[in-house]
């Protein structure tokens, strides 16, 4: 009985850890893409000012 409970708890922790990593990674990717978009916009504005 105790072994089954331990396995269930370990399984839950593994699942929650996976979900957390899955949640954190896309947020980081989104932030990176947003920053890249902002940089591109700034470059475009600079080119417009020059021309």
PDB file of N, CA and C in Angstrom:
ATOM      1  N   UNK A   1       0.834  -1.211   0.000  1.00  0.00           N
ATOM      2  CA  UNK A   1       0.000   0.000   0.000  1.00  0.00           C
ATOM      3  C   UNK A   1       0.864   1.255   0.000  1.00  0.00           C
ATOM      4  N   UNK A   2       1.849   1.304   0.901  1.00  0.00           N
ATOM      5  CA  UNK A   2       2.714   2.485   1.015  1.00  0.00           C
ATOM      6  C   UNK A   2       3.480   2.686  -0.297  1.00  0.00           C
ATOM      7  N   UNK A   3       3.962   1.571  -0.886  1.00  0.00           N
ATOM      8  CA  UNK A   3       4.732   1.660  -2.135  1.00  0.00           C
ATOM      9  C   UNK A   3       3.867   2.254  -3.241  1.00  0.00           C
ATOM     10  N   UNK A   4       2.605   1.849  -3.323  1.00  0.00           N
ATOM     11  CA  UNK A   4       1.689   2.368  -4.344  1.00  0.00           C
ATOM     12  C   UNK A   4       1.509   3.875  -4.163  1.00  0.00           C
ATOM     13  N   UNK A   5       1.319   4.306  -2.906  1.00  0.00           N
ATOM     14  CA  UNK A   5       1.158   5.741  -2.627  1.00  0.00           C
ATOM     15  C   UNK A   5       2.402   6.519  -3.043  1.00  0.00           C
ATOM     16  N   UNK A   6       3.583   5.964  -2.711  1.00  0.00           N
ATOM     17  CA  UNK A   6       4.843   6.627  -3.070  1.00  0.00           C
ATOM     18  C   UNK A   6       4.963   6.777  -4.584  1.00  0.00           C
ATOM     19  N   UNK A   7       4.640   5.690  -5.317  1.00  0.00           N
ATOM     20  CA  UNK A   7       4.711   5.733  -6.784  1.00  0.00           C
ATOM     21  C   UNK A   7       3.753   6.799  -7.325  1.00  0.00           C
ATOM     22  N   UNK A   8       2.552   6.869  -6.754  1.00  0.00           N
ATOM     23  CA  UNK A   8       1.552   7.841  -7.204  1.00  0.00           C
ATOM     24  C   UNK A   8       2.050   9.266  -6.963  1.00  0.00           C
ATOM     25  N   UNK A   9       2.638   9.505  -5.784  1.00  0.00           N
ATOM     26  CA  UNK A   9       3.147  10.842  -5.442  1.00  0.00           C
ATOM     27  C   UNK A   9       4.287  11.225  -6.389  1.00  0.00           C
ATOM     28  N   UNK A  10       5.225  10.271  -6.620  1.00  0.00           N
ATOM     29  CA  UNK A  10       6.360  10.542  -7.511  1.00  0.00           C
ATOM     30  C   UNK A  10       5.838  10.846  -8.919  1.00  0.00           C
ATOM     31  N   UNK A  11       4.846  10.080  -9.361  1.00  0.00           N
ATOM     32  CA  UNK A  11       4.243  10.295 -10.683  1.00  0.00           C
ATOM     33  C   UNK A  11       3.630  11.680 -10.792  1.00  0.00           C
ATOM     34  N   UNK A  12       2.900  12.088  -9.749  1.00  0.00           N
ATOM     35  CA  UNK A  12       2.267  13.410  -9.746  1.00  0.00           C
ATOM     36  C   UNK A  12       3.319  14.520  -9.824  1.00  0.00           C
ATOM     37  N   UNK A  13       4.383  14.366  -9.032  1.00  0.00           N
ATOM     38  CA  UNK A  13       5.446  15.378  -9.045  1.00  0.00           C
ATOM     39  C   UNK A  13       6.077  15.468 -10.429  1.00  0.00           C
ATOM     40  N   UNK A  14       6.304  14.298 -11.067  1.00  0.00           N
ATOM     41  CA  UNK A  14       6.906  14.263 -12.407  1.00  0.00           C
ATOM     42  C   UNK A  14       5.991  14.974 -13.401  1.00  0.00           C
ATOM     43  N   UNK A  15       4.688  14.708 -13.319  1.00  0.00           N
ATOM     44  CA  UNK A  15       3.723  15.322 -14.230  1.00  0.00           C
ATOM     45  C   UNK A  15       3.692  16.834 -14.012  1.00  0.00           C
ATOM     46  N   UNK A  16       3.607  17.258 -12.747  1.00  0.00           N
ATOM     47  CA  UNK A  16       3.562  18.704 -12.445  1.00  0.00           C
ATOM     48  C   UNK A  16       4.843  19.390 -12.901  1.00  0.00           C
ATOM     49  N   UNK A  17       5.987  18.756 -12.697  1.00  0.00           N
ATOM     50  CA  UNK A  17       7.266  19.313 -13.141  1.00  0.00           C
ATOM     51  C   UNK A  17       7.274  19.486 -14.651  1.00  0.00           C
ATOM     52  N   UNK A  18       6.783  18.487 -15.368  1.00  0.00           N
ATOM     53  CA  UNK A  18       6.722  18.560 -16.827  1.00  0.00           C
ATOM     54  C   UNK A  18       5.820  19.691 -17.283  1.00  0.00           C
ATOM     55  N   UNK A  19       4.653  19.816 -16.646  1.00  0.00           N
ATOM     56  CA  UNK A  19       3.704  20.874 -17.008  1.00  0.00           C
ATOM     57  C   UNK A  19       4.332  22.238 -16.753  1.00  0.00           C
ATOM     58  N   UNK A  20       5.008  22.382 -15.611  1.00  0.00           N
ATOM     59  CA  UNK A  20       5.643  23.667 -15.267  1.00  0.00           C
ATOM     60  C   UNK A  20       6.664  24.056 -16.322  1.00  0.00           C
ATOM     61  N   UNK A  21       7.546  23.088 -16.690  1.00  0.00           N
ATOM     62  CA  UNK A  21       8.562  23.368 -17.706  1.00  0.00           C
ATOM     63  C   UNK A  21       7.882  23.719 -19.017  1.00  0.00           C
ATOM     64  N   UNK A  22       6.806  23.020 -19.340  1.00  0.00           N
ATOM     65  CA  UNK A  22       6.078  23.245 -20.598  1.00  0.00           C
ATOM     66  C   UNK A  22       5.477  24.639 -20.595  1.00  0.00           C
ATOM     67  N   UNK A  23       5.030  25.085 -19.415  1.00  0.00           N
ATOM     68  CA  UNK A  23       4.444  26.426 -19.281  1.00  0.00           C
ATOM     69  C   UNK A  23       5.513  27.510 -19.381  1.00  0.00           C
ATOM     70  N   UNK A  24       6.665  27.274 -18.734  1.00  0.00           N
ATOM     71  CA  UNK A  24       7.724  28.298 -18.665  1.00  0.00           C
ATOM     72  C   UNK A  24       8.367  28.491 -20.031  1.00  0.00           C
ATOM     73  N   UNK A  25       8.681  27.396 -20.736  1.00  0.00           N
ATOM     74  CA  UNK A  25       9.407  27.496 -22.004  1.00  0.00           C
ATOM     75  C   UNK A  25       8.671  28.311 -23.063  1.00  0.00           C
ATOM     76  N   UNK A  26       7.386  28.046 -23.338  1.00  0.00           N
ATOM     77  CA  UNK A  26       6.691  28.857 -24.350  1.00  0.00           C
ATOM     78  C   UNK A  26       6.646  30.335 -23.988  1.00  0.00           C
ATOM     79  N   UNK A  27       6.539  30.656 -22.703  1.00  0.00           N
ATOM     80  CA  UNK A  27       6.537  32.063 -22.275  1.00  0.00           C
ATOM     81  C   UNK A  27       7.860  32.712 -22.650  1.00  0.00           C
ATOM     82  N   UNK A  28       8.959  32.009 -22.412  1.00  0.00           N
ATOM     83  CA  UNK A  28      10.279  32.542 -22.752  1.00  0.00           C
ATOM     84  C   UNK A  28      10.385  32.737 -24.252  1.00  0.00           C
ATOM     85  N   UNK A  29       9.912  31.744 -25.027  1.00  0.00           N
ATOM     86  CA  UNK A  29       9.967  31.834 -26.484  1.00  0.00           C
ATOM     87  C   UNK A  29       9.142  33.015 -26.959  1.00  0.00           C
ATOM     88  N   UNK A  30       7.966  33.213 -26.372  1.00  0.00           N
ATOM     89  CA  UNK A  30       7.105  34.336 -26.749  1.00  0.00           C
ATOM     90  C   UNK A  30       7.812  35.657 -26.458  1.00  0.00           C
ATOM     91  N   UNK A  31       8.419  35.765 -25.267  1.00  0.00           N
ATOM     92  CA  UNK A  31       9.124  37.002 -24.889  1.00  0.00           C
ATOM     93  C   UNK A  31      10.248  37.291 -25.879  1.00  0.00           C
ATOM     94  N   UNK A  32      10.983  36.234 -26.269  1.00  0.00           N
ATOM     95  CA  UNK A  32      12.089  36.413 -27.218  1.00  0.00           C
ATOM     96  C   UNK A  32      11.563  36.922 -28.553  1.00  0.00           C
ATOM     97  N   UNK A  33      10.485  36.304 -29.048  1.00  0.00           N
ATOM     98  CA  UNK A  33       9.938  36.700 -30.350  1.00  0.00           C
ATOM     99  C   UNK A  33       9.419  38.129 -30.290  1.00  0.00           C
ATOM    100  N   UNK A  34       8.806  38.518 -29.160  1.00  0.00           N
ATOM    101  CA  UNK A  34       8.294  39.885 -28.998  1.00  0.00           C
ATOM    102  C   UNK A  34       9.466  40.866 -29.036  1.00  0.00           C
ATOM    103  N   UNK A  35      10.558  40.537 -28.336  1.00  0.00           N
ATOM    104  CA  UNK A  35      11.742  41.411 -28.313  1.00  0.00           C
ATOM    105  C   UNK A  35      12.308  41.557 -29.721  1.00  0.00           C
ATOM    106  N   UNK A  36      12.373  40.446 -30.464  1.00  0.00           N
ATOM    107  CA  UNK A  36      12.893  40.480 -31.832  1.00  0.00           C
ATOM    108  C   UNK A  36      12.021  41.374 -32.698  1.00  0.00           C
ATOM    109  N   UNK A  37      10.691  41.286 -32.530  1.00  0.00           N
ATOM    110  CA  UNK A  37       9.757  42.113 -33.297  1.00  0.00           C
ATOM    111  C   UNK A  37      10.014  43.597 -32.987  1.00  0.00           C
ATOM    112  N   UNK A  38      10.185  43.916 -31.690  1.00  0.00           N
ATOM    113  CA  UNK A  38      10.441  45.308 -31.282  1.00  0.00           C
ATOM    114  C   UNK A  38      11.736  45.822 -31.908  1.00  0.00           C
ATOM    115  N   UNK A  39      12.775  44.983 -31.913  1.00  0.00           N
ATOM    116  CA  UNK A  39      14.061  45.377 -32.512  1.00  0.00           C
ATOM    117  C   UNK A  39      13.869  45.654 -34.001  1.00  0.00           C
ATOM    118  N   UNK A  40      13.136  44.778 -34.678  1.00  0.00           N
ATOM    119  CA  UNK A  40      12.892  44.938 -36.116  1.00  0.00           C
ATOM    120  C   UNK A  40      12.151  46.249 -36.379  1.00  0.00           C
ATOM    121  N   UNK A  41      11.155  46.542 -35.548  1.00  0.00           N
ATOM    122  CA  UNK A  41      10.392  47.789 -35.705  1.00  0.00           C
ATOM    123  C   UNK A  41      11.303  49.007 -35.534  1.00  0.00           C
ATOM    124  N   UNK A  42      12.191  48.966 -34.544  1.00  0.00           N
ATOM    125  CA  UNK A  42      13.117  50.070 -34.301  1.00  0.00           C
ATOM    126  C   UNK A  42      14.025  50.279 -35.503  1.00  0.00           C
ATOM    127  N   UNK A  43      14.523  49.161 -36.078  1.00  0.00           N
ATOM    128  CA  UNK A  43      15.404  49.237 -37.250  1.00  0.00           C
ATOM    129  C   UNK A  43      14.660  49.883 -38.406  1.00  0.00           C
ATOM    130  N   UNK A  44      13.408  49.476 -38.610  1.00  0.00           N
ATOM    131  CA  UNK A  44      12.597  50.025 -39.699  1.00  0.00           C
ATOM    132  C   UNK A  44      12.417  51.529 -39.497  1.00  0.00           C
ATOM    133  N   UNK A  45      12.143  51.952 -38.262  1.00  0.00           N
ATOM    134  CA  UNK A  45      11.960  53.379 -37.959  1.00  0.00           C
ATOM    135  C   UNK A  45      13.242  54.157 -38.249  1.00  0.00           C
ATOM    136  N   UNK A  46      14.408  53.576 -37.886  1.00  0.00           N
ATOM    137  CA  UNK A  46      15.696  54.235 -38.133  1.00  0.00           C
ATOM    138  C   UNK A  46      15.901  54.415 -39.631  1.00  0.00           C
ATOM    139  N   UNK A  47      15.582  53.360 -40.407  1.00  0.00           N
ATOM    140  CA  UNK A  47      15.749  53.436 -41.864  1.00  0.00           C
ATOM    141  C   UNK A  47      14.836  54.505 -42.440  1.00  0.00           C
ATOM    142  N   UNK A  48      13.616  54.588 -41.915  1.00  0.00           N
ATOM    143  CA  UNK A  48      12.664  55.604 -42.389  1.00  0.00           C
ATOM    144  C   UNK A  48      13.190  57.014 -42.097  1.00  0.00           C
ATOM    145  N   UNK A  49      13.775  57.205 -40.928  1.00  0.00           N
ATOM    146  CA  UNK A  49      14.312  58.524 -40.543  1.00  0.00           C
ATOM    147  C   UNK A  49      15.479  58.892 -41.456  1.00  0.00           C
ATOM    148  N   UNK A  50      16.347  57.920 -41.781  1.00  0.00           N
ATOM    149  CA  UNK A  50      17.510  58.177 -42.633  1.00  0.00           C
ATOM    150  C   UNK A  50      17.050  58.564 -44.035  1.00  0.00           C
ATOM    151  N   UNK A  51      16.079  57.874 -44.569  1.00  0.00           N
ATOM    152  CA  UNK A  51      15.592  58.108 -45.940  1.00  0.00           C
ATOM    153  C   UNK A  51      14.462  59.156 -45.906  1.00  0.00           C
TER     154      UNK A  51
END
